[in-house]
């Protein structure tokens, strides 16, 4: 409730989140959802979390000590190491340790193997968020996973669409000014829609933007050239400059 209220109101700091989770798990060290909540919301940087990955790691490690047979906690630990620390060796180790626990979900071994094989960032992120969605019952964590999966789809779509625009430019010497041109050139089967059901916007310089960035809060592609949202500035490079 504390995080949900602060996040909805646009607060960038969650100073009480870590101590609240630590107190909660001290009083009930077997409350597994508290550790899961810490992995999802204590570790990420503001405005999407409290920005305290080290405390999140300590929290989950304490959970593992108190609940050594809870394979889900190893997943939470690997989740933090992958997304927040970019420590893929420790993430793979956490997934591998969890995969050895009786009753562990089969995807734990798959995640460990994929991590060891250096699966692509988007592919790995999709696997992790899908696993989160499939294995948690907490509504806020599920909603968070859905938003991240939508963002991954939008990022993938925009990358593909901008490659298509570059191909059109290569063929014709100019950027397309409508979807009709791309469809007529047989580069697109129809007007593309983003994961929330709105058509992408084709810009005059070959970029693609989502119609409503606030509906896709975690995207890294498809943002307007200059979007100000609670003091944060985003930019997207010209496709012609991103070919290399």
Foldseek 3Di string as FASTA:
>chain_A
DLLVVCLVVQHQADPCLLVVLVVVCVVPVQPVVSLLCCLQADCDHPPRHHNCLVSSLVSLVSSCVVPVLPLVSLLSNLSSCVPRVVNLVSSLVSLVSSCPHPPRDVCSPVLSVCSVVVPDPLVSLLSSLVVQLVPDDDPVSNVVSVLVNLQSQQQVVQVLQLVLQVVVCVVPVAGDPDVVVSVVVVNDVDFDAGPVGHTWDQDRLSGIAHPDCVSRVPHLGRHPQFDADVRDTHHDDRSVVPPD
